[in-house]
Amino acid sequence: MTPLNTNVTEIFMEIRRDPNFKWPTRMRTPPQRHNNQKFCEYHKDHGHLTEDCISLGHEIENFIKNRKLVRGIAGRGKSNFVRKAHASKVNVEEVFLLKRPSKAQKKDSMILSFSEEDAKGVSMPHNDALVVTMKVANHAIHRILVDTGNSTDILYWPVFKHMRIDWERIKPFGSLLVGFAGEQVQPLGLISLSVIAGTVSKQSTVMVDFLVVDRPSAYNAIISRLTLNKLMVATSTYHLKMKFLTDEGVGKGKGDQVAARKCYNTSLKKPSGSAPLTISNVGSRKEGEPAEALVDVVVEEDKVVKIGS
């Protein structure tokens, strides 16, 4: 079998919609013996991680043998399964992603636009944020703030804990989040999770690096412009909607106006013992100052990047 140096989950996300892709049968292990801390997106069940799924490893190998994986990288595997099974393999041919030229061309002709039809059901006038529901690691996560001024994706600790994801998947993250008033927040770490936008027929999936933050928040997660660009998303805060390109046409995501207002009202109430990440007097701002509060993300000792709150 071929060793890989590409994330197995990423390969799975690429090939799962191929007509030749074979989904597995149910796991033979009794459900009561499954490890609920680990979830496999291939089996859609708990018990082990997607990265360590032996059945998925064999299915990927079938794609390689049938020459359906024709682009990318090969080498030492990143997953436990690949490392253990293929450590002795060397000098293999480059393999990785499935190409779909016809569908790629189809995307070029798609247009992302908004009309008054898209504003139906939205209470006007409004100044509400775009708050949506997306699938993160196969969990439907509500109250996700879509923040086009933010360059960092954030997943808050209470939600992460509820998702029961194996703690071992979190990677150390040494930099600090710094508030506008200088207060510092140390993220618990960085974790790469799949994010799915849209409905079953028109979905777009990407892998997102989330910073896990243990801090009170009205939101469960924040999606940044980096992820929006990966998903090829266009947003409209007026219509409270986002649209994006998929292989099957234009996908849509509708904002939850009720949730957005609840989150806003909650954020106005300062939690006891917890200072807000940002402090900004927008009403008295000078010309040239940002219209929204910003958070400093320290990426290096001498480099600070400002992101929207």
Foldseek 3Di string as FASTA:
>chain_A
DFAAADQLVVLCQQCVPPPPQDQDDADPDPLVPADLLEAAPRNRHGRHHVLQDPVSVVRVVVCVVVCQFPDAAGDHHDGPNRNVPPVPDDDDDGGGGGDDVVLVVVLVPADDDDDVVLQPPPDPDDDFFQWFWKQKQNRTFGQETEFAQFPAKAAEDVVVVVSSHDPVQFAADPWWKAFPVGDTFHFPGWHWIKIWDADPQFIFIDIHIYGYGHADALGRIYDYSVVCVVQQWDDDRRSSKIWGDGSRGIGITHGDRVSRVVRVVVVVDDDPPHDDRYDDDLVPDDPPDDNATWIWIDPDPPDTDIGGD
